[in-house]
C-alpha atoms as a PDB file:
ATOM      1  CA  MET A   1       0.000   0.000   0.000  1.00  0.00           C
ATOM      2  CA  ALA A   2       1.357   3.405  -0.978  1.00  0.00           C
ATOM      3  CA  ARG A   3       2.018   5.767   1.919  1.00  0.00           C
ATOM      4  CA  ILE A   4       4.051   8.764   3.080  1.00  0.00           C
ATOM      5  CA  LEU A   5       6.949   7.555   5.234  1.00  0.00           C
ATOM      6  CA  ARG A   6       8.208  10.948   6.403  1.00  0.00           C
ATOM      7  CA  GLN A   7       8.045  14.621   5.481  1.00  0.00           C
ATOM      8  CA  THR A   8      10.047  17.737   6.215  1.00  0.00           C
ATOM      9  CA  THR A   9       9.669  21.433   5.427  1.00  0.00           C
ATOM     10  CA  VAL A  10      12.249  22.743   2.969  1.00  0.00           C
ATOM     11  CA  VAL A  11      11.342  26.422   3.343  1.00  0.00           C
ATOM     12  CA  ARG A  12       8.730  28.475   5.203  1.00  0.00           C
ATOM     13  CA  ASP A  13       9.687  32.135   5.194  1.00  0.00           C
ATOM     14  CA  GLY A  14       6.517  34.100   4.462  1.00  0.00           C
ATOM     15  CA  MET A  15       7.203  34.245   0.720  1.00  0.00           C
ATOM     16  CA  HIS A  16       5.420  32.428  -2.092  1.00  0.00           C
ATOM     17  CA  ASN A  17       7.691  29.413  -2.678  1.00  0.00           C
ATOM     18  CA  GLY A  18       6.562  26.969  -5.337  1.00  0.00           C
ATOM     19  CA  PHE A  19       6.961  25.109  -8.623  1.00  0.00           C
ATOM     20  CA  THR A  20       9.564  22.631  -7.419  1.00  0.00           C
ATOM     21  CA  ASP A  21      12.033  20.157  -8.834  1.00  0.00           C
ATOM     22  CA  LEU A  22      14.239  17.576  -7.124  1.00  0.00           C
ATOM     23  CA  GLN A  23      17.504  15.821  -7.986  1.00  0.00           C
ATOM     24  CA  TYR A  24      20.131  13.698  -6.232  1.00  0.00           C
ATOM     25  CA  TRP A  25      23.656  14.808  -7.157  1.00  0.00           C
ATOM     26  CA  GLN A  26      27.076  14.843  -5.511  1.00  0.00           C
ATOM     27  CA  GLY A  27      25.744  12.851  -2.564  1.00  0.00           C
ATOM     28  CA  ALA A  28      23.041  15.392  -1.683  1.00  0.00           C
ATOM     29  CA  TYR A  29      19.382  16.207  -2.335  1.00  0.00           C
ATOM     30  CA  TRP A  30      18.812  19.367  -4.338  1.00  0.00           C
ATOM     31  CA  VAL A  31      15.447  21.132  -4.488  1.00  0.00           C
ATOM     32  CA  SER A  32      14.784  24.048  -6.837  1.00  0.00           C
ATOM     33  CA  TYR A  33      11.782  26.357  -6.654  1.00  0.00           C
ATOM     34  CA  ARG A  34      10.528  29.814  -7.511  1.00  0.00           C
ATOM     35  CA  LYS A  35      10.440  32.431  -4.737  1.00  0.00           C
ATOM     36  CA  GLY A  36       8.427  35.641  -5.052  1.00  0.00           C
ATOM     37  CA  ALA A  37       5.884  37.885  -3.380  1.00  0.00           C
ATOM     38  CA  GLY A  38       3.019  35.979  -4.977  1.00  0.00           C
ATOM     39  CA  HIS A  39       2.040  33.341  -7.522  1.00  0.00           C
ATOM     40  CA  VAL A  40       2.740  35.934 -10.203  1.00  0.00           C
ATOM     41  CA  SER A  41       5.240  38.681  -9.330  1.00  0.00           C
ATOM     42  CA  MET A  42       8.112  40.523 -10.985  1.00  0.00           C
ATOM     43  CA  ASP A  43      10.447  40.001  -8.006  1.00  0.00           C
ATOM     44  CA  ALA A  44      10.614  36.231  -8.541  1.00  0.00           C
ATOM     45  CA  ARG A  45      13.869  34.295  -8.635  1.00  0.00           C
ATOM     46  CA  ALA A  46      15.014  30.699  -8.909  1.00  0.00           C
ATOM     47  CA  VAL A  47      16.273  29.252  -5.621  1.00  0.00           C
ATOM     48  CA  VAL A  48      18.255  26.090  -4.885  1.00  0.00           C
ATOM     49  CA  SER A  49      18.223  24.367  -1.481  1.00  0.00           C
ATOM     50  CA  VAL A  50      20.363  21.384  -0.498  1.00  0.00           C
ATOM     51  CA  SER A  51      20.272  18.690   2.166  1.00  0.00           C
ATOM     52  CA  HIS A  52      22.662  15.881   3.071  1.00  0.00           C
ATOM     53  CA  ASP A  53      20.360  14.223   5.615  1.00  0.00           C
ATOM     54  CA  ARG A  54      16.885  14.628   4.033  1.00  0.00           C
ATOM     55  CA  CYS A  55      15.811  16.476   7.190  1.00  0.00           C
ATOM     56  CA  ARG A  56      17.416  19.924   7.040  1.00  0.00           C
ATOM     57  CA  PHE A  57      17.566  22.019   3.883  1.00  0.00           C
ATOM     58  CA  THR A  58      19.597  25.171   3.345  1.00  0.00           C
ATOM     59  CA  GLU A  59      19.060  27.772   0.626  1.00  0.00           C
ATOM     60  CA  ILE A  60      22.468  28.121  -0.971  1.00  0.00           C
ATOM     61  CA  ALA A  61      21.953  29.722  -4.400  1.00  0.00           C
ATOM     62  CA  THR A  62      19.650  31.965  -6.397  1.00  0.00           C
ATOM     63  CA  ALA A  63      19.387  32.861 -10.072  1.00  0.00           C
ATOM     64  CA  ARG A  64      17.713  36.049 -11.219  1.00  0.00           C
ATOM     65  CA  VAL A  65      16.931  37.541 -14.609  1.00  0.00           C
ATOM     66  CA  ARG A  66      14.586  40.301 -15.674  1.00  0.00           C
ATOM     67  CA  GLY A  67      10.927  39.511 -15.252  1.00  0.00           C
ATOM     68  CA  ASP A  68       8.781  36.919 -13.504  1.00  0.00           C
ATOM     69  CA  VAL A  69      10.971  33.802 -13.243  1.00  0.00           C
ATOM     70  CA  ARG A  70       8.997  30.540 -13.422  1.00  0.00           C
ATOM     71  CA  ASP A  71       9.418  26.816 -12.644  1.00  0.00           C
ATOM     72  CA  PRO A  72      13.188  26.213 -12.332  1.00  0.00           C
ATOM     73  CA  LYS A  73      14.250  22.631 -13.073  1.00  0.00           C
ATOM     74  CA  LEU A  74      17.507  20.816 -12.367  1.00  0.00           C
ATOM     75  CA  LEU A  75      19.369  18.371 -14.597  1.00  0.00           C
ATOM     76  CA  PRO A  76      22.552  16.590 -13.440  1.00  0.00           C
ATOM     77  CA  ILE A  77      24.859  16.079 -16.435  1.00  0.00           C
ATOM     78  CA  VAL A  78      28.042  14.570 -14.973  1.00  0.00           C
ATOM     79  CA  ASP A  79      29.537  14.390 -11.496  1.00  0.00           C
ATOM     80  CA  ASP A  80      30.860  17.947 -11.655  1.00  0.00           C
ATOM     81  CA  ARG A  81      28.219  19.629 -13.807  1.00  0.00           C
ATOM     82  CA  MET A  82      24.512  20.275 -13.293  1.00  0.00           C
ATOM     83  CA  ALA A  83      22.157  22.458 -15.317  1.00  0.00           C
ATOM     84  CA  MET A  84      19.175  24.523 -14.236  1.00  0.00           C
ATOM     85  CA  PHE A  85      16.692  25.820 -16.777  1.00  0.00           C
ATOM     86  CA  PHE A  86      13.798  28.211 -16.280  1.00  0.00           C
ATOM     87  CA  PRO A  87      11.729  30.732 -18.262  1.00  0.00           C
ATOM     88  CA  SER A  88      10.850  34.302 -17.392  1.00  0.00           C
ATOM     89  CA  TRP A  89       7.972  36.524 -18.430  1.00  0.00           C
ATOM     90  CA  THR A  90      10.336  39.398 -19.171  1.00  0.00           C
ATOM     91  CA  GLU A  91       7.610  42.060 -19.117  1.00  0.00           C
ATOM     92  CA  GLY A  92       5.309  40.234 -16.731  1.00  0.00           C
ATOM     93  CA  ALA A  93       2.549  37.767 -17.540  1.00  0.00           C
ATOM     94  CA  GLY A  94      -0.314  38.978 -19.720  1.00  0.00           C
ATOM     95  CA  THR A  95      -1.231  39.801 -23.304  1.00  0.00           C
ATOM     96  CA  ILE A  96      -0.479  42.454 -25.896  1.00  0.00           C
ATOM     97  CA  GLU A  97      -2.183  43.504 -29.141  1.00  0.00           C
ATOM     98  CA  SER A  98      -0.080  43.389 -32.308  1.00  0.00           C
ATOM     99  CA  ASP A  99      -1.248  43.688 -35.935  1.00  0.00           C
ATOM    100  CA  GLY A 100      -4.841  43.302 -34.821  1.00  0.00           C
ATOM    101  CA  ALA A 101      -4.171  40.023 -33.012  1.00  0.00           C
ATOM    102  CA  LYS A 102      -3.739  39.121 -29.358  1.00  0.00           C
ATOM    103  CA  HIS A 103      -0.395  37.655 -28.291  1.00  0.00           C
ATOM    104  CA  LEU A 104       1.121  36.638 -24.998  1.00  0.00           C
ATOM    105  CA  LYS A 105       3.729  38.988 -23.574  1.00  0.00           C
ATOM    106  CA  PRO A 106       7.285  37.826 -24.258  1.00  0.00           C
ATOM    107  CA  LEU A 107       8.688  34.832 -22.422  1.00  0.00           C
ATOM    108  CA  GLN A 108      12.374  33.920 -22.596  1.00  0.00           C
ATOM    109  CA  GLN A 109      13.926  30.579 -21.680  1.00  0.00           C
ATOM    110  CA  TYR A 110      17.223  30.570 -19.742  1.00  0.00           C
ATOM    111  CA  LEU A 111      19.889  28.001 -18.917  1.00  0.00           C
ATOM    112  CA  THR A 112      22.677  28.042 -16.325  1.00  0.00           C
ATOM    113  CA  PHE A 113      25.303  25.554 -15.101  1.00  0.00           C
ATOM    114  CA  THR A 114      27.146  24.786 -11.879  1.00  0.00           C
ATOM    115  CA  ALA A 115      30.082  22.610 -10.823  1.00  0.00           C
ATOM    116  CA  ASN A 116      29.171  22.503  -7.135  1.00  0.00           C
ATOM    117  CA  GLY A 117      25.552  23.673  -6.689  1.00  0.00           C
ATOM    118  CA  HIS A 118      26.650  26.814  -4.850  1.00  0.00           C
ATOM    119  CA  ASP A 119      28.120  28.874  -7.694  1.00  0.00           C
ATOM    120  CA  TRP A 120      26.129  29.199 -10.919  1.00  0.00           C
ATOM    121  CA  GLU A 121      27.051  30.717 -14.259  1.00  0.00           C
ATOM    122  CA  VAL A 122      25.230  33.774 -15.515  1.00  0.00           C
ATOM    123  CA  PRO A 123      21.944  32.497 -17.030  1.00  0.00           C
ATOM    124  CA  GLN A 124      22.020  32.560 -20.815  1.00  0.00           C
ATOM    125  CA  PRO A 125      18.973  32.795 -23.077  1.00  0.00           C
ATOM    126  CA  ILE A 126      18.135  29.807 -25.269  1.00  0.00           C
ATOM    127  CA  LEU A 127      15.301  29.097 -27.725  1.00  0.00           C
ATOM    128  CA  ASP A 128      13.167  31.642 -29.532  1.00  0.00           C
ATOM    129  CA  PRO A 129      10.826  33.861 -27.521  1.00  0.00           C
ATOM    130  CA  ASN A 130       7.670  32.260 -26.107  1.00  0.00           C
ATOM    131  CA  LEU A 131       9.062  28.729 -26.211  1.00  0.00           C
ATOM    132  CA  TRP A 132       8.877  27.277 -22.688  1.00  0.00           C
ATOM    133  CA  LEU A 133      11.182  24.289 -22.132  1.00  0.00           C
ATOM    134  CA  TRP A 134       9.082  22.410 -19.626  1.00  0.00           C
ATOM    135  CA  ARG A 135      10.901  19.095 -19.126  1.00  0.00           C
ATOM    136  CA  VAL A 136      14.213  17.596 -20.322  1.00  0.00           C
ATOM    137  CA  ARG A 137      15.033  13.883 -20.320  1.00  0.00           C
ATOM    138  CA  LEU A 138      18.164  12.060 -21.508  1.00  0.00           C
ATOM    139  CA  HIS A 139      17.571   9.119 -23.871  1.00  0.00           C
ATOM    140  CA  GLY A 140      19.969   7.355 -26.183  1.00  0.00           C
ATOM    141  CA  GLY A 141      22.717   9.883 -25.552  1.00  0.00           C
ATOM    142  CA  ARG A 142      20.570  12.871 -26.571  1.00  0.00           C
ATOM    143  CA  TYR A 143      18.467  15.359 -24.644  1.00  0.00           C
ATOM    144  CA  TYR A 144      14.751  15.407 -25.426  1.00  0.00           C
ATOM    145  CA  GLY A 145      12.822  18.529 -24.465  1.00  0.00           C
ATOM    146  CA  LEU A 146       9.077  19.020 -24.119  1.00  0.00           C
ATOM    147  CA  ILE A 147       8.366  22.583 -25.199  1.00  0.00           C
ATOM    148  CA  GLN A 148       5.225  24.612 -24.572  1.00  0.00           C
ATOM    149  CA  ASN A 149       4.946  26.581 -27.799  1.00  0.00           C
ATOM    150  CA  LEU A 150       3.237  29.859 -26.891  1.00  0.00           C
ATOM    151  CA  ALA A 151       4.331  31.793 -29.971  1.00  0.00           C
ATOM    152  CA  ALA A 152       1.144  31.529 -32.058  1.00  0.00           C
ATOM    153  CA  PRO A 153      -1.540  34.254 -31.883  1.00  0.00           C
ATOM    154  CA  TRP A 154      -4.651  33.629 -29.835  1.00  0.00           C
ATOM    155  CA  VAL A 155      -7.619  31.999 -31.523  1.00  0.00           C
ATOM    156  CA  GLY A 156     -10.669  33.746 -30.086  1.00  0.00           C
ATOM    157  CA  ASP A 157     -10.234  33.727 -26.313  1.00  0.00           C
ATOM    158  CA  GLY A 158      -8.008  30.651 -26.272  1.00  0.00           C
ATOM    159  CA  ARG A 159      -4.306  30.791 -25.385  1.00  0.00           C
ATOM    160  CA  PRO A 160      -1.986  29.262 -28.016  1.00  0.00           C
ATOM    161  CA  HIS A 161      -0.850  26.157 -26.124  1.00  0.00           C
ATOM    162  CA  GLN A 162       0.936  23.694 -28.398  1.00  0.00           C
ATOM    163  CA  LEU A 163       3.263  20.915 -27.255  1.00  0.00           C
ATOM    164  CA  ASP A 164       6.411  20.200 -29.274  1.00  0.00           C
ATOM    165  CA  LEU A 165       9.184  17.632 -28.881  1.00  0.00           C
ATOM    166  CA  ALA A 166      12.735  18.831 -29.532  1.00  0.00           C
ATOM    167  CA  VAL A 167      16.210  17.263 -29.335  1.00  0.00           C
ATOM    168  CA  SER A 168      19.608  18.657 -28.373  1.00  0.00           C
ATOM    169  CA  ASP A 169      23.157  17.439 -27.892  1.00  0.00           C
ATOM    170  CA  ASP A 170      24.310  20.295 -25.628  1.00  0.00           C
ATOM    171  CA  LEU A 171      21.117  21.777 -24.056  1.00  0.00           C
ATOM    172  CA  LEU A 172      21.855  25.058 -25.853  1.00  0.00           C
ATOM    173  CA  THR A 173      20.683  24.388 -29.407  1.00  0.00           C
ATOM    174  CA  TRP A 174      17.387  22.601 -29.965  1.00  0.00           C
ATOM    175  CA  THR A 175      15.734  21.105 -33.038  1.00  0.00           C
ATOM    176  CA  THR A 176      11.986  20.473 -33.043  1.00  0.00           C
ATOM    177  CA  ILE A 177      11.121  17.002 -34.350  1.00  0.00           C
ATOM    178  CA  ALA A 178       7.372  16.741 -33.705  1.00  0.00           C
ATOM    179  CA  ARG A 179       4.185  18.553 -32.789  1.00  0.00           C
ATOM    180  CA  ILE A 180       2.609  16.301 -30.176  1.00  0.00           C
ATOM    181  CA  GLY A 181      -0.690  18.137 -30.007  1.00  0.00           C
ATOM    182  CA  ASP A 182      -2.636  21.360 -29.551  1.00  0.00           C
ATOM    183  CA  GLY A 183      -4.142  22.423 -26.251  1.00  0.00           C
ATOM    184  CA  LEU A 184      -1.336  20.747 -24.293  1.00  0.00           C
ATOM    185  CA  ASN A 185       1.436  22.188 -22.142  1.00  0.00           C
ATOM    186  CA  GLU A 186       3.038  20.801 -18.930  1.00  0.00           C
ATOM    187  CA  SER A 187       4.274  17.285 -19.696  1.00  0.00           C
ATOM    188  CA  ASP A 188       6.728  14.491 -19.008  1.00  0.00           C
ATOM    189  CA  ILE A 189       8.079  11.685 -21.209  1.00  0.00           C
ATOM    190  CA  HIS A 190       9.124   8.090 -20.474  1.00  0.00           C
ATOM    191  CA  TRP A 191      10.712   5.470 -22.722  1.00  0.00           C
ATOM    192  CA  HIS A 192       9.979   1.760 -22.564  1.00  0.00           C
ATOM    193  CA  ASP A 193      12.621  -0.879 -23.240  1.00  0.00           C
ATOM    194  CA  GLY A 194      11.317  -1.448 -26.773  1.00  0.00           C
ATOM    195  CA  GLY A 195      11.780   2.234 -27.641  1.00  0.00           C
ATOM    196  CA  GLU A 196       8.166   3.355 -27.439  1.00  0.00           C
ATOM    197  CA  ALA A 197       7.769   6.741 -25.719  1.00  0.00           C
ATOM    198  CA  TRP A 198       4.845   7.691 -23.493  1.00  0.00           C
ATOM    199  CA  ILE A 199       3.833  11.213 -22.514  1.00  0.00           C
ATOM    200  CA  VAL A 200       1.407  12.436 -19.867  1.00  0.00           C
ATOM    201  CA  SER A 201       0.346  16.028 -20.489  1.00  0.00           C
ATOM    202  CA  ARG A 202      -1.819  18.668 -18.925  1.00  0.00           C
ATOM    203  CA  SER A 203      -4.789  19.579 -21.103  1.00  0.00           C
ATOM    204  CA  VAL A 204      -5.846  23.217 -21.346  1.00  0.00           C
ATOM    205  CA  THR A 205      -8.921  22.514 -23.475  1.00  0.00           C
ATOM    206  CA  GLY A 206     -10.577  19.670 -21.584  1.00  0.00           C
ATOM    207  CA  PRO A 207     -11.356  18.754 -17.987  1.00  0.00           C
ATOM    208  CA  GLY A 208      -8.727  16.003 -17.713  1.00  0.00           C
ATOM    209  CA  SER A 209      -5.293  15.142 -19.054  1.00  0.00           C
ATOM    210  CA  VAL A 210      -3.842  13.587 -22.212  1.00  0.00           C
ATOM    211  CA  PHE A 211      -1.821  10.438 -22.891  1.00  0.00           C
ATOM    212  CA  ALA A 212       0.427  10.329 -25.968  1.00  0.00           C
ATOM    213  CA  ALA A 213       2.531   7.505 -27.436  1.00  0.00           C
ATOM    214  CA  ALA A 214       4.975   7.180 -30.332  1.00  0.00           C
ATOM    215  CA  GLN A 215       7.547   4.805 -31.750  1.00  0.00           C
ATOM    216  CA  PRO A 216      10.980   5.919 -32.999  1.00  0.00           C
ATOM    217  CA  PRO A 217      11.750   8.380 -34.552  1.00  0.00           C
ATOM    218  CA  TYR A 218       8.984  10.013 -32.465  1.00  0.00           C
ATOM    219  CA  ALA A 219       7.556  12.065 -35.302  1.00  0.00           C
ATOM    220  CA  ASP A 220       3.949  10.774 -35.182  1.00  0.00           C
ATOM    221  CA  TRP A 221       2.026  10.731 -31.897  1.00  0.00           C
ATOM    222  CA  GLU A 222      -1.197   9.005 -30.926  1.00  0.00           C
ATOM    223  CA  THR A 223      -3.116  10.914 -28.247  1.00  0.00           C
ATOM    224  CA  MET A 224      -5.923   9.867 -25.903  1.00  0.00           C
ATOM    225  CA  ASP A 225      -7.923  11.861 -23.372  1.00  0.00           C
ATOM    226  CA  MET A 226      -7.827  10.720 -19.745  1.00  0.00           C
ATOM    227  CA  ALA A 227     -10.262  11.639 -16.975  1.00  0.00           C
ATOM    228  CA  PRO A 228      -8.038  12.751 -14.063  1.00  0.00           C
ATOM    229  CA  VAL A 229      -6.705  16.297 -13.977  1.00  0.00           C
ATOM    230  CA  VAL A 230      -2.883  16.118 -13.934  1.00  0.00           C
ATOM    231  CA  ASN A 231      -1.012  19.415 -13.947  1.00  0.00           C
ATOM    232  CA  ALA A 232       2.805  19.548 -13.976  1.00  0.00           C
ATOM    233  CA  PRO A 233       3.166  15.767 -14.378  1.00  0.00           C
ATOM    234  CA  ILE A 234       6.417  13.999 -13.535  1.00  0.00           C
ATOM    235  CA  MET A 235       6.916  10.265 -14.090  1.00  0.00           C
ATOM    236  CA  ILE A 236       9.040   7.581 -12.456  1.00  0.00           C
ATOM    237  CA  GLU A 237       9.472   3.868 -13.092  1.00  0.00           C
ATOM    238  CA  HIS A 238       9.536   1.730  -9.948  1.00  0.00           C
ATOM    239  CA  GLU A 239       9.535  -2.057  -9.515  1.00  0.00           C
ATOM    240  CA  GLY A 240       8.057  -2.669 -12.933  1.00  0.00           C
ATOM    241  CA  GLY A 241       5.368  -0.001 -12.701  1.00  0.00           C
ATOM    242  CA  LEU A 242       5.185   3.493 -14.171  1.00  0.00           C
ATOM    243  CA  TYR A 243       3.865   6.270 -11.952  1.00  0.00           C
ATOM    244  CA  VAL A 244       3.040   9.928 -12.450  1.00  0.00           C
ATOM    245  CA  ALA A 245       2.706  12.649  -9.803  1.00  0.00           C
ATOM    246  CA  GLY A 246       1.051  16.002 -10.369  1.00  0.00           C
ATOM    247  CA  ARG A 247      -1.488  18.564  -9.288  1.00  0.00           C
ATOM    248  CA  SER A 248      -4.913  16.981  -9.018  1.00  0.00           C
ATOM    249  CA  LEU A 249      -8.486  18.138  -8.562  1.00  0.00           C
ATOM    250  CA  PRO A 250     -10.010  15.608  -6.141  1.00  0.00           C
ATOM    251  CA  SER A 251     -13.554  16.921  -6.546  1.00  0.00           C
ATOM    252  CA  SER A 252     -13.442  16.118 -10.279  1.00  0.00           C
ATOM    253  CA  GLU A 253     -12.658  12.495  -9.394  1.00  0.00           C
ATOM    254  CA  GLY A 254     -15.475  12.236  -6.855  1.00  0.00           C
ATOM    255  CA  ILE A 255     -13.180  12.280  -3.812  1.00  0.00           C
ATOM    256  CA  ALA A 256     -15.720  13.153  -1.131  1.00  0.00           C
ATOM    257  CA  ASP A 257     -13.273  13.357   1.768  1.00  0.00           C
ATOM    258  CA  ALA A 258     -11.052  16.053   0.236  1.00  0.00           C
ATOM    259  CA  PRO A 259     -11.148  18.843   2.862  1.00  0.00           C
ATOM    260  CA  TYR A 260     -11.018  21.628   0.277  1.00  0.00           C
ATOM    261  CA  GLY A 261     -12.618  21.863  -3.104  1.00  0.00           C
ATOM    262  CA  GLY A 262      -9.521  23.088  -4.920  1.00  0.00           C
ATOM    263  CA  ALA A 263      -6.243  21.583  -6.032  1.00  0.00           C
ATOM    264  CA  SER A 264      -4.202  18.883  -4.321  1.00  0.00           C
ATOM    265  CA  LEU A 265      -1.346  16.482  -5.156  1.00  0.00           C
ATOM    266  CA  SER A 266      -1.804  12.894  -6.293  1.00  0.00           C
ATOM    267  CA  ILE A 267       0.162   9.964  -7.646  1.00  0.00           C
ATOM    268  CA  TRP A 268      -1.288   7.557 -10.203  1.00  0.00           C
ATOM    269  CA  GLN A 269      -0.077   4.389 -11.881  1.00  0.00           C
ATOM    270  CA  VAL A 270       0.161   4.871 -15.635  1.00  0.00           C
ATOM    271  CA  GLU A 271      -1.175   2.389 -18.175  1.00  0.00           C
ATOM    272  CA  ARG A 272      -1.743   3.002 -21.867  1.00  0.00           C
ATOM    273  CA  GLY A 273      -4.364   5.731 -21.988  1.00  0.00           C
ATOM    274  CA  ALA A 274      -5.377   5.331 -18.333  1.00  0.00           C
ATOM    275  CA  LEU A 275      -4.421   6.480 -14.827  1.00  0.00           C
ATOM    276  CA  HIS A 276      -5.171   4.611 -11.602  1.00  0.00           C
ATOM    277  CA  PRO A 277      -4.983   6.493  -8.269  1.00  0.00           C
ATOM    278  CA  VAL A 278      -2.276   5.295  -5.890  1.00  0.00           C
ATOM    279  CA  LEU A 279      -1.680   8.040  -3.296  1.00  0.00           C
ATOM    280  CA  ARG A 280      -3.255  11.342  -2.256  1.00  0.00           C
ATOM    281  CA  VAL A 281      -0.727  13.705  -0.688  1.00  0.00           C
ATOM    282  CA  PRO A 282      -2.145  16.288   1.792  1.00  0.00           C
ATOM    283  CA  ALA A 283      -1.397  19.436  -0.207  1.00  0.00           C
ATOM    284  CA  TYR A 284      -3.987  22.198  -0.569  1.00  0.00           C
ATOM    285  CA  GLY A 285      -4.479  25.681  -1.903  1.00  0.00           C
ATOM    286  CA  ASP A 286      -1.914  26.877  -4.420  1.00  0.00           C
ATOM    287  CA  CYS A 287       0.075  23.654  -4.435  1.00  0.00           C
ATOM    288  CA  SER A 288       1.778  20.642  -6.029  1.00  0.00           C
ATOM    289  CA  TYR A 289       4.185  20.986  -9.023  1.00  0.00           C
ATOM    290  CA  PRO A 290       6.346  18.118  -7.748  1.00  0.00           C
ATOM    291  CA  GLY A 291       9.801  16.729  -8.270  1.00  0.00           C
ATOM    292  CA  LEU A 292      10.101  12.936  -8.057  1.00  0.00           C
ATOM    293  CA  ILE A 293      13.237  10.755  -7.914  1.00  0.00           C
ATOM    294  CA  ARG A 294      14.592   7.442  -6.674  1.00  0.00           C
ATOM    295  CA  ASP A 295      17.861   7.924  -4.786  1.00  0.00           C
ATOM    296  CA  PRO A 296      20.829   5.481  -4.938  1.00  0.00           C
ATOM    297  CA  GLU A 297      19.483   3.581  -1.918  1.00  0.00           C
ATOM    298  CA  GLY A 298      16.085   3.057  -3.528  1.00  0.00           C
ATOM    299  CA  ARG A 299      14.116   5.711  -1.645  1.00  0.00           C
ATOM    300  CA  ILE A 300      11.303   7.387  -3.564  1.00  0.00           C
ATOM    301  CA  CYS A 301      11.596  11.103  -2.800  1.00  0.00           C
ATOM    302  CA  LEU A 302       9.096  13.835  -3.581  1.00  0.00           C
ATOM    303  CA  SER A 303       9.265  17.627  -3.519  1.00  0.00           C
ATOM    304  CA  TYR A 304       6.194  19.848  -3.740  1.00  0.00           C
ATOM    305  CA  TYR A 305       4.666  23.050  -2.425  1.00  0.00           C
ATOM    306  CA  SER A 306       1.478  23.617  -0.448  1.00  0.00           C
ATOM    307  CA  GLN A 307      -0.519  26.084   1.637  1.00  0.00           C
ATOM    308  CA  HIS A 308      -2.059  23.474   3.949  1.00  0.00           C
ATOM    309  CA  ALA A 309      -0.243  24.874   6.999  1.00  0.00           C
ATOM    310  CA  TYR A 310      -2.132  28.155   6.534  1.00  0.00           C
ATOM    311  CA  TYR A 311      -5.503  26.632   5.673  1.00  0.00           C
ATOM    312  CA  LEU A 312      -5.323  24.372   8.732  1.00  0.00           C
ATOM    313  CA  GLY A 313      -4.242  27.144  11.095  1.00  0.00           C
ATOM    314  CA  VAL A 314      -0.731  25.859  11.802  1.00  0.00           C
ATOM    315  CA  CYS A 315       0.656  29.192  10.618  1.00  0.00           C
ATOM    316  CA  ALA A 316      -0.945  32.621  10.466  1.00  0.00           C
ATOM    317  CA  TYR A 317      -0.926  34.769   7.335  1.00  0.00           C
ATOM    318  CA  PRO A 318      -1.638  38.480   6.839  1.00  0.00           C
ATOM    319  CA  ASP A 319      -4.619  38.132   4.502  1.00  0.00           C
ATOM    320  CA  SER A 320      -6.005  35.638   2.040  1.00  0.00           C
ATOM    321  CA  THR A 321      -4.745  37.490  -1.028  1.00  0.00           C
ATOM    322  CA  GLN A 322      -1.119  37.293   0.136  1.00  0.00           C
ATOM    323  CA  MET A 323      -1.066  33.778   1.597  1.00  0.00           C
ATOM    324  CA  PRO A 324       2.507  32.415   1.613  1.00  0.00           C
ATOM    325  CA  ASP A 325       3.488  29.056   0.174  1.00  0.00           C
ATOM    326  CA  ASP A 326       5.908  26.499   1.596  1.00  0.00           C
ATOM    327  CA  VAL A 327       8.045  23.789  -0.027  1.00  0.00           C
ATOM    328  CA  TYR A 328       8.168  20.231   1.330  1.00  0.00           C
ATOM    329  CA  PHE A 329      10.269  17.098   0.886  1.00  0.00           C
ATOM    330  CA  ALA A 330       8.778  13.655   1.500  1.00  0.00           C
ATOM    331  CA  GLU A 331       9.827  10.029   1.309  1.00  0.00           C
ATOM    332  CA  ILE A 332       7.073   7.773   0.037  1.00  0.00           C
ATOM    333  CA  GLU A 333       6.407   4.091  -0.475  1.00  0.00           C
ATOM    334  CA  LEU A 334       4.808   2.934  -3.721  1.00  0.00           C
END
């Protein structure tokens, strides 16, 4: 039976900390997240915290560029090199009118490297504007990137969410090889031993999520709608099963005992075109966006953010419009 074995708070400092990622590198646990005054704010920066005992985390590095920095993610490359990539709404989130059409304000993707986790290179821009590199996975000696393509003009009142698959040999230069689908954005990809790739993606047009599958060379994708809401999915293979964690909406799945009607964090087992609930993590409010890894000793480790401490009265907050957000680290059993 899946369960939470232990949990610790990574950061609780009165700021809005969220949109996490997690990696094990150089014998330590590294958690990245966005820190700002609110869910959307122009003072945001990427922060890295580290722990050697899975109990105490220390903020040791920040990365800042112009704009509203979003969703920093970590990628160990070799023993003495790790990357962090994140986008920024350089003029703030929102829309502009150009040539009679509505467009999103500019977003720029950035990449930085470190040799020790403490000292990071100056972030450098990569990709064309309004291409959001959401997730990077290494497969067959190449990097595969899932890109939210936000460059197209709006159609009516709908944002231009398109999901592309790109490849790179150095993380700096990317070549798009496929359009996976329209109305998709936050995603993760997993390869099976036979070479088939599976994707779980957030849907921005329907009430649930989307499953996609393709064989090499990954140019043609079959997609299927799935019922559960899964935002910011991240997948892991464990003891022969494939699992995905992400922001959930318990009320949409008929979960009557969810204490709040909004978002939470769940883990599902993934089958072709279907998700089966495995674990509900007690995260509420503005929450979730997890990192998920298996460490060298076989522990399944999870990072995420949540406002449950404020909703449940553990911590006070100044007012509901400025409720802080905290980051957590948990060890789980699947």
